[in-house]
Each structure stands twice: as C-alpha cells, then as structure tokens.
PDB file of N, CA and C in Angstrom:
ATOM      1  N   UNK A   1     -38.289  24.703  -3.315  1.00  0.00           N
ATOM      2  CA  UNK A   1     -37.733  25.950  -3.892  1.00  0.00           C
ATOM      3  C   UNK A   1     -36.926  25.557  -5.085  1.00  0.00           C
ATOM      4  N   UNK A   2     -37.037  26.410  -6.090  1.00  0.00           N
ATOM      5  CA  UNK A   2     -36.352  26.245  -7.415  1.00  0.00           C
ATOM      6  C   UNK A   2     -35.369  27.223  -7.349  1.00  0.00           C
ATOM      7  N   UNK A   3     -34.187  26.780  -7.793  1.00  0.00           N
ATOM      8  CA  UNK A   3     -32.918  27.654  -7.912  1.00  0.00           C
ATOM      9  C   UNK A   3     -32.880  28.079  -9.277  1.00  0.00           C
ATOM     10  N   UNK A   4     -32.839  29.405  -9.601  1.00  0.00           N
ATOM     11  CA  UNK A   4     -32.621  29.947 -10.922  1.00  0.00           C
ATOM     12  C   UNK A   4     -31.137  30.329 -11.069  1.00  0.00           C
ATOM     13  N   UNK A   5     -30.644  29.861 -12.173  1.00  0.00           N
ATOM     14  CA  UNK A   5     -29.105  30.197 -12.517  1.00  0.00           C
ATOM     15  C   UNK A   5     -29.024  30.506 -13.914  1.00  0.00           C
ATOM     16  N   UNK A   6     -27.906  31.467 -14.177  1.00  0.00           N
ATOM     17  CA  UNK A   6     -27.668  31.812 -15.545  1.00  0.00           C
ATOM     18  C   UNK A   6     -26.909  30.680 -16.178  1.00  0.00           C
ATOM     19  N   UNK A   7     -26.524  29.658 -15.518  1.00  0.00           N
ATOM     20  CA  UNK A   7     -25.833  28.392 -16.152  1.00  0.00           C
ATOM     21  C   UNK A   7     -26.721  27.511 -16.882  1.00  0.00           C
ATOM     22  N   UNK A   8     -27.997  27.579 -16.468  1.00  0.00           N
ATOM     23  CA  UNK A   8     -28.950  26.586 -16.978  1.00  0.00           C
ATOM     24  C   UNK A   8     -29.142  26.654 -18.464  1.00  0.00           C
ATOM     25  N   UNK A   9     -28.863  25.416 -18.973  1.00  0.00           N
ATOM     26  CA  UNK A   9     -29.280  25.182 -20.377  1.00  0.00           C
ATOM     27  C   UNK A   9     -29.373  23.586 -20.684  1.00  0.00           C
ATOM     28  N   UNK A  10     -29.658  23.223 -21.869  1.00  0.00           N
ATOM     29  CA  UNK A  10     -29.886  21.785 -22.007  1.00  0.00           C
ATOM     30  C   UNK A  10     -28.656  20.960 -21.888  1.00  0.00           C
ATOM     31  N   UNK A  11     -27.483  21.496 -22.142  1.00  0.00           N
ATOM     32  CA  UNK A  11     -26.198  20.768 -22.035  1.00  0.00           C
ATOM     33  C   UNK A  11     -25.868  20.671 -20.510  1.00  0.00           C
ATOM     34  N   UNK A  12     -25.952  21.716 -19.733  1.00  0.00           N
ATOM     35  CA  UNK A  12     -25.706  21.611 -18.417  1.00  0.00           C
ATOM     36  C   UNK A  12     -26.669  20.802 -17.648  1.00  0.00           C
ATOM     37  N   UNK A  13     -27.938  20.788 -17.960  1.00  0.00           N
ATOM     38  CA  UNK A  13     -28.981  19.922 -17.469  1.00  0.00           C
ATOM     39  C   UNK A  13     -28.452  18.479 -17.664  1.00  0.00           C
ATOM     40  N   UNK A  14     -28.129  18.077 -18.894  1.00  0.00           N
ATOM     41  CA  UNK A  14     -27.582  16.833 -19.257  1.00  0.00           C
ATOM     42  C   UNK A  14     -26.376  16.311 -18.487  1.00  0.00           C
ATOM     43  N   UNK A  15     -25.471  17.279 -18.257  1.00  0.00           N
ATOM     44  CA  UNK A  15     -24.337  16.979 -17.410  1.00  0.00           C
ATOM     45  C   UNK A  15     -24.688  16.641 -16.027  1.00  0.00           C
ATOM     46  N   UNK A  16     -25.485  17.473 -15.458  1.00  0.00           N
ATOM     47  CA  UNK A  16     -25.766  17.238 -14.040  1.00  0.00           C
ATOM     48  C   UNK A  16     -26.669  15.971 -13.848  1.00  0.00           C
ATOM     49  N   UNK A  17     -27.584  15.686 -14.791  1.00  0.00           N
ATOM     50  CA  UNK A  17     -28.265  14.454 -14.859  1.00  0.00           C
ATOM     51  C   UNK A  17     -27.321  13.324 -14.813  1.00  0.00           C
ATOM     52  N   UNK A  18     -26.253  13.321 -15.678  1.00  0.00           N
ATOM     53  CA  UNK A  18     -25.220  12.248 -15.720  1.00  0.00           C
ATOM     54  C   UNK A  18     -24.460  12.108 -14.427  1.00  0.00           C
ATOM     55  N   UNK A  19     -24.054  13.263 -13.834  1.00  0.00           N
ATOM     56  CA  UNK A  19     -23.465  13.202 -12.569  1.00  0.00           C
ATOM     57  C   UNK A  19     -24.240  12.574 -11.463  1.00  0.00           C
ATOM     58  N   UNK A  20     -25.578  12.834 -11.432  1.00  0.00           N
ATOM     59  CA  UNK A  20     -26.475  12.293 -10.470  1.00  0.00           C
ATOM     60  C   UNK A  20     -26.611  10.810 -10.688  1.00  0.00           C
ATOM     61  N   UNK A  21     -26.321  10.278 -11.832  1.00  0.00           N
ATOM     62  CA  UNK A  21     -26.333   8.746 -12.062  1.00  0.00           C
ATOM     63  C   UNK A  21     -25.086   8.005 -11.493  1.00  0.00           C
ATOM     64  N   UNK A  22     -24.102   8.681 -11.124  1.00  0.00           N
ATOM     65  CA  UNK A  22     -22.987   8.038 -10.601  1.00  0.00           C
ATOM     66  C   UNK A  22     -23.262   7.475  -9.237  1.00  0.00           C
ATOM     67  N   UNK A  23     -22.724   6.110  -9.069  1.00  0.00           N
ATOM     68  CA  UNK A  23     -23.172   5.430  -7.896  1.00  0.00           C
ATOM     69  C   UNK A  23     -22.175   5.417  -6.728  1.00  0.00           C
ATOM     70  N   UNK A  24     -20.925   5.569  -7.141  1.00  0.00           N
ATOM     71  CA  UNK A  24     -19.846   5.480  -6.060  1.00  0.00           C
ATOM     72  C   UNK A  24     -18.662   6.240  -6.471  1.00  0.00           C
ATOM     73  N   UNK A  25     -17.697   6.220  -5.523  1.00  0.00           N
ATOM     74  CA  UNK A  25     -16.448   6.939  -5.712  1.00  0.00           C
ATOM     75  C   UNK A  25     -15.634   6.504  -6.996  1.00  0.00           C
ATOM     76  N   UNK A  26     -15.571   5.215  -7.206  1.00  0.00           N
ATOM     77  CA  UNK A  26     -14.818   4.711  -8.365  1.00  0.00           C
ATOM     78  C   UNK A  26     -15.499   5.199  -9.658  1.00  0.00           C
ATOM     79  N   UNK A  27     -16.909   5.163  -9.747  1.00  0.00           N
ATOM     80  CA  UNK A  27     -17.539   5.738 -10.902  1.00  0.00           C
ATOM     81  C   UNK A  27     -17.272   7.260 -11.125  1.00  0.00           C
ATOM     82  N   UNK A  28     -17.166   7.933  -9.991  1.00  0.00           N
ATOM     83  CA  UNK A  28     -16.874   9.419  -9.991  1.00  0.00           C
ATOM     84  C   UNK A  28     -15.403   9.553 -10.654  1.00  0.00           C
ATOM     85  N   UNK A  29     -14.520   8.843 -10.125  1.00  0.00           N
ATOM     86  CA  UNK A  29     -13.121   8.922 -10.715  1.00  0.00           C
ATOM     87  C   UNK A  29     -13.039   8.633 -12.106  1.00  0.00           C
ATOM     88  N   UNK A  30     -13.813   7.560 -12.569  1.00  0.00           N
ATOM     89  CA  UNK A  30     -13.807   7.188 -13.949  1.00  0.00           C
ATOM     90  C   UNK A  30     -14.495   8.344 -14.850  1.00  0.00           C
ATOM     91  N   UNK A  31     -15.582   8.825 -14.468  1.00  0.00           N
ATOM     92  CA  UNK A  31     -16.246   9.847 -15.206  1.00  0.00           C
ATOM     93  C   UNK A  31     -15.459  11.098 -15.284  1.00  0.00           C
ATOM     94  N   UNK A  32     -15.144  11.585 -14.064  1.00  0.00           N
ATOM     95  CA  UNK A  32     -14.441  12.952 -14.058  1.00  0.00           C
ATOM     96  C   UNK A  32     -13.116  12.845 -14.602  1.00  0.00           C
ATOM     97  N   UNK A  33     -12.336  11.775 -14.704  1.00  0.00           N
ATOM     98  CA  UNK A  33     -11.084  11.581 -15.313  1.00  0.00           C
ATOM     99  C   UNK A  33     -11.277  11.707 -16.833  1.00  0.00           C
ATOM    100  N   UNK A  34     -12.351  11.245 -17.453  1.00  0.00           N
ATOM    101  CA  UNK A  34     -12.626  11.379 -18.780  1.00  0.00           C
ATOM    102  C   UNK A  34     -13.146  12.734 -19.233  1.00  0.00           C
ATOM    103  N   UNK A  35     -13.959  13.347 -18.367  1.00  0.00           N
ATOM    104  CA  UNK A  35     -14.675  14.582 -18.792  1.00  0.00           C
ATOM    105  C   UNK A  35     -13.780  15.813 -18.386  1.00  0.00           C
ATOM    106  N   UNK A  36     -12.919  15.775 -17.471  1.00  0.00           N
ATOM    107  CA  UNK A  36     -12.184  16.936 -17.032  1.00  0.00           C
ATOM    108  C   UNK A  36     -10.644  16.711 -17.131  1.00  0.00           C
ATOM    109  N   UNK A  37      -9.935  17.781 -17.222  1.00  0.00           N
ATOM    110  CA  UNK A  37      -8.528  17.534 -17.104  1.00  0.00           C
ATOM    111  C   UNK A  37      -8.159  17.390 -15.692  1.00  0.00           C
ATOM    112  N   UNK A  38      -6.908  16.772 -15.477  1.00  0.00           N
ATOM    113  CA  UNK A  38      -6.467  16.548 -14.141  1.00  0.00           C
ATOM    114  C   UNK A  38      -6.351  17.885 -13.394  1.00  0.00           C
ATOM    115  N   UNK A  39      -5.913  18.945 -14.003  1.00  0.00           N
ATOM    116  CA  UNK A  39      -5.838  20.262 -13.450  1.00  0.00           C
ATOM    117  C   UNK A  39      -7.269  20.789 -12.900  1.00  0.00           C
ATOM    118  N   UNK A  40      -8.296  20.565 -13.756  1.00  0.00           N
ATOM    119  CA  UNK A  40      -9.709  20.919 -13.398  1.00  0.00           C
ATOM    120  C   UNK A  40     -10.150  20.232 -12.136  1.00  0.00           C
ATOM    121  N   UNK A  41      -9.845  18.974 -12.084  1.00  0.00           N
ATOM    122  CA  UNK A  41     -10.291  18.072 -11.018  1.00  0.00           C
ATOM    123  C   UNK A  41      -9.545  18.528  -9.701  1.00  0.00           C
ATOM    124  N   UNK A  42      -8.251  18.767  -9.847  1.00  0.00           N
ATOM    125  CA  UNK A  42      -7.464  19.161  -8.756  1.00  0.00           C
ATOM    126  C   UNK A  42      -7.910  20.520  -8.188  1.00  0.00           C
ATOM    127  N   UNK A  43      -8.214  21.443  -9.142  1.00  0.00           N
ATOM    128  CA  UNK A  43      -8.615  22.736  -8.758  1.00  0.00           C
ATOM    129  C   UNK A  43      -9.943  22.692  -7.959  1.00  0.00           C
ATOM    130  N   UNK A  44     -10.897  21.835  -8.490  1.00  0.00           N
ATOM    131  CA  UNK A  44     -12.168  21.746  -7.739  1.00  0.00           C
ATOM    132  C   UNK A  44     -11.951  21.108  -6.323  1.00  0.00           C
ATOM    133  N   UNK A  45     -11.118  20.150  -6.307  1.00  0.00           N
ATOM    134  CA  UNK A  45     -10.828  19.537  -4.929  1.00  0.00           C
ATOM    135  C   UNK A  45     -10.147  20.488  -3.988  1.00  0.00           C
ATOM    136  N   UNK A  46      -9.178  21.314  -4.545  1.00  0.00           N
ATOM    137  CA  UNK A  46      -8.631  22.287  -3.749  1.00  0.00           C
ATOM    138  C   UNK A  46      -9.581  23.367  -3.300  1.00  0.00           C
ATOM    139  N   UNK A  47     -10.494  23.775  -4.081  1.00  0.00           N
ATOM    140  CA  UNK A  47     -11.502  24.769  -3.642  1.00  0.00           C
ATOM    141  C   UNK A  47     -12.347  24.223  -2.540  1.00  0.00           C
ATOM    142  N   UNK A  48     -12.793  23.024  -2.599  1.00  0.00           N
ATOM    143  CA  UNK A  48     -13.610  22.372  -1.537  1.00  0.00           C
ATOM    144  C   UNK A  48     -12.809  22.249  -0.314  1.00  0.00           C
ATOM    145  N   UNK A  49     -11.531  21.938  -0.381  1.00  0.00           N
ATOM    146  CA  UNK A  49     -10.661  21.801   0.901  1.00  0.00           C
ATOM    147  C   UNK A  49     -10.548  23.294   1.492  1.00  0.00           C
ATOM    148  N   UNK A  50     -10.446  24.310   0.643  1.00  0.00           N
ATOM    149  CA  UNK A  50     -10.353  25.687   1.121  1.00  0.00           C
ATOM    150  C   UNK A  50     -11.640  25.984   1.824  1.00  0.00           C
ATOM    151  N   UNK A  51     -12.769  25.688   1.279  1.00  0.00           N
ATOM    152  CA  UNK A  51     -14.021  25.943   1.916  1.00  0.00           C
ATOM    153  C   UNK A  51     -14.115  25.224   3.332  1.00  0.00           C
ATOM    154  N   UNK A  52     -13.736  24.019   3.315  1.00  0.00           N
ATOM    155  CA  UNK A  52     -13.712  23.295   4.656  1.00  0.00           C
ATOM    156  C   UNK A  52     -12.841  24.117   5.696  1.00  0.00           C
ATOM    157  N   UNK A  53     -11.651  24.484   5.297  1.00  0.00           N
ATOM    158  CA  UNK A  53     -10.715  25.203   6.127  1.00  0.00           C
ATOM    159  C   UNK A  53     -11.307  26.592   6.610  1.00  0.00           C
ATOM    160  N   UNK A  54     -11.862  27.202   5.659  1.00  0.00           N
ATOM    161  CA  UNK A  54     -12.444  28.606   6.049  1.00  0.00           C
ATOM    162  C   UNK A  54     -13.551  28.310   7.024  1.00  0.00           C
ATOM    163  N   UNK A  55     -14.316  27.214   6.983  1.00  0.00           N
ATOM    164  CA  UNK A  55     -15.329  26.940   8.017  1.00  0.00           C
ATOM    165  C   UNK A  55     -14.720  26.845   9.403  1.00  0.00           C
ATOM    166  N   UNK A  56     -13.522  26.352   9.472  1.00  0.00           N
ATOM    167  CA  UNK A  56     -12.880  26.218  10.724  1.00  0.00           C
ATOM    168  C   UNK A  56     -12.022  27.465  11.118  1.00  0.00           C
ATOM    169  N   UNK A  57     -12.252  28.566  10.428  1.00  0.00           N
ATOM    170  CA  UNK A  57     -11.591  29.859  10.781  1.00  0.00           C
ATOM    171  C   UNK A  57     -10.099  29.828  10.606  1.00  0.00           C
ATOM    172  N   UNK A  58      -9.646  28.912   9.683  1.00  0.00           N
ATOM    173  CA  UNK A  58      -8.209  28.921   9.294  1.00  0.00           C
ATOM    174  C   UNK A  58      -7.686  30.220   8.757  1.00  0.00           C
ATOM    175  N   UNK A  59      -6.562  30.564   8.972  1.00  0.00           N
ATOM    176  CA  UNK A  59      -6.140  31.773   8.385  1.00  0.00           C
ATOM    177  C   UNK A  59      -5.608  31.434   6.899  1.00  0.00           C
ATOM    178  N   UNK A  60      -5.518  32.584   6.151  1.00  0.00           N
ATOM    179  CA  UNK A  60      -5.161  32.479   4.755  1.00  0.00           C
ATOM    180  C   UNK A  60      -3.815  31.744   4.668  1.00  0.00           C
ATOM    181  N   UNK A  61      -2.931  32.138   5.539  1.00  0.00           N
ATOM    182  CA  UNK A  61      -1.554  31.528   5.530  1.00  0.00           C
ATOM    183  C   UNK A  61      -1.690  30.038   5.751  1.00  0.00           C
ATOM    184  N   UNK A  62      -2.362  29.589   6.814  1.00  0.00           N
ATOM    185  CA  UNK A  62      -2.625  28.137   7.064  1.00  0.00           C
ATOM    186  C   UNK A  62      -3.248  27.500   5.812  1.00  0.00           C
ATOM    187  N   UNK A  63      -4.222  28.091   5.181  1.00  0.00           N
ATOM    188  CA  UNK A  63      -4.871  27.453   4.083  1.00  0.00           C
ATOM    189  C   UNK A  63      -3.881  27.323   2.929  1.00  0.00           C
ATOM    190  N   UNK A  64      -3.156  28.444   2.650  1.00  0.00           N
ATOM    191  CA  UNK A  64      -2.172  28.388   1.500  1.00  0.00           C
ATOM    192  C   UNK A  64      -1.148  27.282   1.800  1.00  0.00           C
ATOM    193  N   UNK A  65      -0.666  27.192   2.983  1.00  0.00           N
ATOM    194  CA  UNK A  65       0.358  26.178   3.256  1.00  0.00           C
ATOM    195  C   UNK A  65      -0.167  24.773   3.189  1.00  0.00           C
ATOM    196  N   UNK A  66      -1.411  24.566   3.580  1.00  0.00           N
ATOM    197  CA  UNK A  66      -2.046  23.241   3.571  1.00  0.00           C
ATOM    198  C   UNK A  66      -2.497  22.812   2.172  1.00  0.00           C
ATOM    199  N   UNK A  67      -2.936  23.706   1.275  1.00  0.00           N
ATOM    200  CA  UNK A  67      -3.592  23.383   0.143  1.00  0.00           C
ATOM    201  C   UNK A  67      -2.827  23.897  -1.104  1.00  0.00           C
ATOM    202  N   UNK A  68      -1.907  24.889  -0.948  1.00  0.00           N
ATOM    203  CA  UNK A  68      -1.209  25.550  -2.125  1.00  0.00           C
ATOM    204  C   UNK A  68      -2.152  26.488  -2.777  1.00  0.00           C
ATOM    205  N   UNK A  69      -3.278  26.743  -2.349  1.00  0.00           N
ATOM    206  CA  UNK A  69      -4.226  27.693  -2.950  1.00  0.00           C
ATOM    207  C   UNK A  69      -3.693  29.156  -2.851  1.00  0.00           C
ATOM    208  N   UNK A  70      -3.889  29.924  -3.874  1.00  0.00           N
ATOM    209  CA  UNK A  70      -3.483  31.336  -3.876  1.00  0.00           C
ATOM    210  C   UNK A  70      -4.454  32.196  -2.972  1.00  0.00           C
ATOM    211  N   UNK A  71      -4.041  33.225  -2.546  1.00  0.00           N
ATOM    212  CA  UNK A  71      -4.953  34.106  -1.787  1.00  0.00           C
ATOM    213  C   UNK A  71      -6.187  34.601  -2.585  1.00  0.00           C
ATOM    214  N   UNK A  72      -6.000  34.600  -3.983  1.00  0.00           N
ATOM    215  CA  UNK A  72      -7.161  34.956  -4.770  1.00  0.00           C
ATOM    216  C   UNK A  72      -8.163  33.841  -4.764  1.00  0.00           C
ATOM    217  N   UNK A  73      -7.656  32.649  -4.873  1.00  0.00           N
ATOM    218  CA  UNK A  73      -8.578  31.402  -4.746  1.00  0.00           C
ATOM    219  C   UNK A  73      -9.320  31.433  -3.353  1.00  0.00           C
ATOM    220  N   UNK A  74      -8.609  31.690  -2.360  1.00  0.00           N
ATOM    221  CA  UNK A  74      -9.208  31.668  -1.034  1.00  0.00           C
ATOM    222  C   UNK A  74     -10.171  32.714  -0.926  1.00  0.00           C
ATOM    223  N   UNK A  75      -9.912  33.902  -1.417  1.00  0.00           N
ATOM    224  CA  UNK A  75     -10.857  35.003  -1.436  1.00  0.00           C
ATOM    225  C   UNK A  75     -12.126  34.657  -2.218  1.00  0.00           C
ATOM    226  N   UNK A  76     -11.949  34.062  -3.336  1.00  0.00           N
ATOM    227  CA  UNK A  76     -13.092  33.752  -4.253  1.00  0.00           C
ATOM    228  C   UNK A  76     -13.976  32.711  -3.545  1.00  0.00           C
ATOM    229  N   UNK A  77     -13.377  31.705  -2.861  1.00  0.00           N
ATOM    230  CA  UNK A  77     -14.145  30.703  -2.114  1.00  0.00           C
ATOM    231  C   UNK A  77     -14.857  31.392  -0.993  1.00  0.00           C
ATOM    232  N   UNK A  78     -14.165  32.101  -0.243  1.00  0.00           N
ATOM    233  CA  UNK A  78     -14.843  32.897   0.833  1.00  0.00           C
ATOM    234  C   UNK A  78     -16.048  33.722   0.471  1.00  0.00           C
ATOM    235  N   UNK A  79     -15.832  34.350  -0.811  1.00  0.00           N
ATOM    236  CA  UNK A  79     -16.953  35.235  -1.317  1.00  0.00           C
ATOM    237  C   UNK A  79     -18.205  34.317  -1.622  1.00  0.00           C
ATOM    238  N   UNK A  80     -17.919  33.223  -2.202  1.00  0.00           N
ATOM    239  CA  UNK A  80     -19.081  32.195  -2.546  1.00  0.00           C
ATOM    240  C   UNK A  80     -19.611  31.633  -1.337  1.00  0.00           C
ATOM    241  N   UNK A  81     -18.882  31.443  -0.187  1.00  0.00           N
ATOM    242  CA  UNK A  81     -19.401  30.967   1.057  1.00  0.00           C
ATOM    243  C   UNK A  81     -20.470  31.997   1.541  1.00  0.00           C
ATOM    244  N   UNK A  82     -20.069  33.316   1.406  1.00  0.00           N
ATOM    245  CA  UNK A  82     -20.876  34.308   2.018  1.00  0.00           C
ATOM    246  C   UNK A  82     -22.005  34.864   1.101  1.00  0.00           C
ATOM    247  N   UNK A  83     -21.696  34.936  -0.145  1.00  0.00           N
ATOM    248  CA  UNK A  83     -22.600  35.574  -1.152  1.00  0.00           C
ATOM    249  C   UNK A  83     -23.026  34.759  -2.311  1.00  0.00           C
ATOM    250  N   UNK A  84     -22.638  33.579  -2.369  1.00  0.00           N
ATOM    251  CA  UNK A  84     -22.793  32.674  -3.564  1.00  0.00           C
ATOM    252  C   UNK A  84     -24.181  32.045  -3.517  1.00  0.00           C
ATOM    253  N   UNK A  85     -24.253  30.954  -4.228  1.00  0.00           N
ATOM    254  CA  UNK A  85     -25.564  30.226  -4.506  1.00  0.00           C
ATOM    255  C   UNK A  85     -25.907  29.194  -3.355  1.00  0.00           C
ATOM    256  N   UNK A  86     -25.026  29.256  -2.274  1.00  0.00           N
ATOM    257  CA  UNK A  86     -25.134  28.261  -1.103  1.00  0.00           C
ATOM    258  C   UNK A  86     -24.752  26.809  -1.498  1.00  0.00           C
ATOM    259  N   UNK A  87     -24.022  26.645  -2.641  1.00  0.00           N
ATOM    260  CA  UNK A  87     -23.559  25.152  -2.896  1.00  0.00           C
ATOM    261  C   UNK A  87     -22.595  24.758  -2.061  1.00  0.00           C
ATOM    262  N   UNK A  88     -21.685  25.576  -1.665  1.00  0.00           N
ATOM    263  CA  UNK A  88     -20.639  25.176  -0.602  1.00  0.00           C
ATOM    264  C   UNK A  88     -21.330  24.804   0.712  1.00  0.00           C
ATOM    265  N   UNK A  89     -22.279  25.696   1.078  1.00  0.00           N
ATOM    266  CA  UNK A  89     -22.955  25.493   2.367  1.00  0.00           C
ATOM    267  C   UNK A  89     -23.691  24.110   2.303  1.00  0.00           C
ATOM    268  N   UNK A  90     -24.427  23.881   1.292  1.00  0.00           N
ATOM    269  CA  UNK A  90     -25.112  22.606   1.093  1.00  0.00           C
ATOM    270  C   UNK A  90     -24.217  21.462   1.229  1.00  0.00           C
ATOM    271  N   UNK A  91     -23.162  21.408   0.564  1.00  0.00           N
ATOM    272  CA  UNK A  91     -22.291  20.190   0.543  1.00  0.00           C
ATOM    273  C   UNK A  91     -21.449  20.179   1.931  1.00  0.00           C
ATOM    274  N   UNK A  92     -21.022  21.246   2.432  1.00  0.00           N
ATOM    275  CA  UNK A  92     -20.272  21.254   3.784  1.00  0.00           C
ATOM    276  C   UNK A  92     -21.206  20.791   4.904  1.00  0.00           C
ATOM    277  N   UNK A  93     -22.485  21.199   4.866  1.00  0.00           N
ATOM    278  CA  UNK A  93     -23.419  20.661   5.792  1.00  0.00           C
ATOM    279  C   UNK A  93     -23.630  19.181   5.716  1.00  0.00           C
ATOM    280  N   UNK A  94     -23.777  18.728   4.459  1.00  0.00           N
ATOM    281  CA  UNK A  94     -23.926  17.316   4.170  1.00  0.00           C
ATOM    282  C   UNK A  94     -22.823  16.429   4.637  1.00  0.00           C
ATOM    283  N   UNK A  95     -21.515  16.983   4.372  1.00  0.00           N
ATOM    284  CA  UNK A  95     -20.320  16.229   4.771  1.00  0.00           C
ATOM    285  C   UNK A  95     -20.259  16.210   6.182  1.00  0.00           C
ATOM    286  N   UNK A  96     -20.594  17.280   6.952  1.00  0.00           N
ATOM    287  CA  UNK A  96     -20.614  17.237   8.448  1.00  0.00           C
ATOM    288  C   UNK A  96     -21.582  16.186   8.923  1.00  0.00           C
ATOM    289  N   UNK A  97     -22.833  16.148   8.354  1.00  0.00           N
ATOM    290  CA  UNK A  97     -23.715  15.154   8.780  1.00  0.00           C
ATOM    291  C   UNK A  97     -23.343  13.749   8.543  1.00  0.00           C
ATOM    292  N   UNK A  98     -22.649  13.486   7.364  1.00  0.00           N
ATOM    293  CA  UNK A  98     -22.163  12.185   7.055  1.00  0.00           C
ATOM    294  C   UNK A  98     -21.007  11.794   8.151  1.00  0.00           C
ATOM    295  N   UNK A  99     -20.183  12.729   8.361  1.00  0.00           N
ATOM    296  CA  UNK A  99     -19.121  12.415   9.387  1.00  0.00           C
ATOM    297  C   UNK A  99     -19.708  12.202  10.729  1.00  0.00           C
ATOM    298  N   UNK A 100     -20.751  12.929  11.183  1.00  0.00           N
ATOM    299  CA  UNK A 100     -21.315  12.667  12.450  1.00  0.00           C
ATOM    300  C   UNK A 100     -22.039  11.284  12.539  1.00  0.00           C
ATOM    301  N   UNK A 101     -22.547  10.790  11.420  1.00  0.00           N
ATOM    302  CA  UNK A 101     -23.282   9.524  11.343  1.00  0.00           C
ATOM    303  C   UNK A 101     -22.246   8.301  11.417  1.00  0.00           C
ATOM    304  N   UNK A 102     -21.014   8.622  11.007  1.00  0.00           N
ATOM    305  CA  UNK A 102     -19.887   7.636  11.017  1.00  0.00           C
ATOM    306  C   UNK A 102     -19.472   7.371  12.488  1.00  0.00           C
ATOM    307  N   UNK A 103     -19.599   8.465  13.277  1.00  0.00           N
ATOM    308  CA  UNK A 103     -19.067   8.358  14.721  1.00  0.00           C
ATOM    309  C   UNK A 103     -19.862   7.606  15.608  1.00  0.00           C
TER     310      UNK A 103
END
C-alpha cells in the first residue's frame, strides 16, 4: 500500500532517506541534535509520550502533570490518533511488540 501525503517532495524524501540510514540511538541523537533545535526534539518526544498515555486512557490532567503538555497538544495528538495518517498507531504498535519481545 502506498501512502500519499501532501508533504512529499524531493527534500522530504531525502530527509526520510537519511533518517532511515541511522543505525542506533547514538546516531539518532547526533543527527537530530544537528538538524533540529532542542525545543523541536523535546516537542516531538513529548507528543509521543502523550500518545502512549492516551493509549492507556490516561486523563488530560494526568498527561499534563506527567509531560507538561498543554491541553491543545493533547487534543491534537488525540485527533491524530483517531483521524491522522496512522503514524502514531504504527509506531505505538511496534513499540509494544518490541517491549513484548524483551519480556
């Protein structure tokens, strides 16, 4: 199945190709620290944590207290979980599978 996105262009293709070449966590830290601001990285990490907590039916208050995310951010992540491109779903499922294989 091919996913069509309005983000697609040669620069974005090149970025994603580069990301797929990263081999471990240290390489990710090095690359993302150079290509993103600290704030951008922290925001992405926060949104992923929000998605994980929404999966466990955590309340907005619990999520805000644990992550510092605003209710607007939580709502946006929730909307993406339900109506987005299934990117969160893809990665959350893979993280669950990875955690199960560690047990």
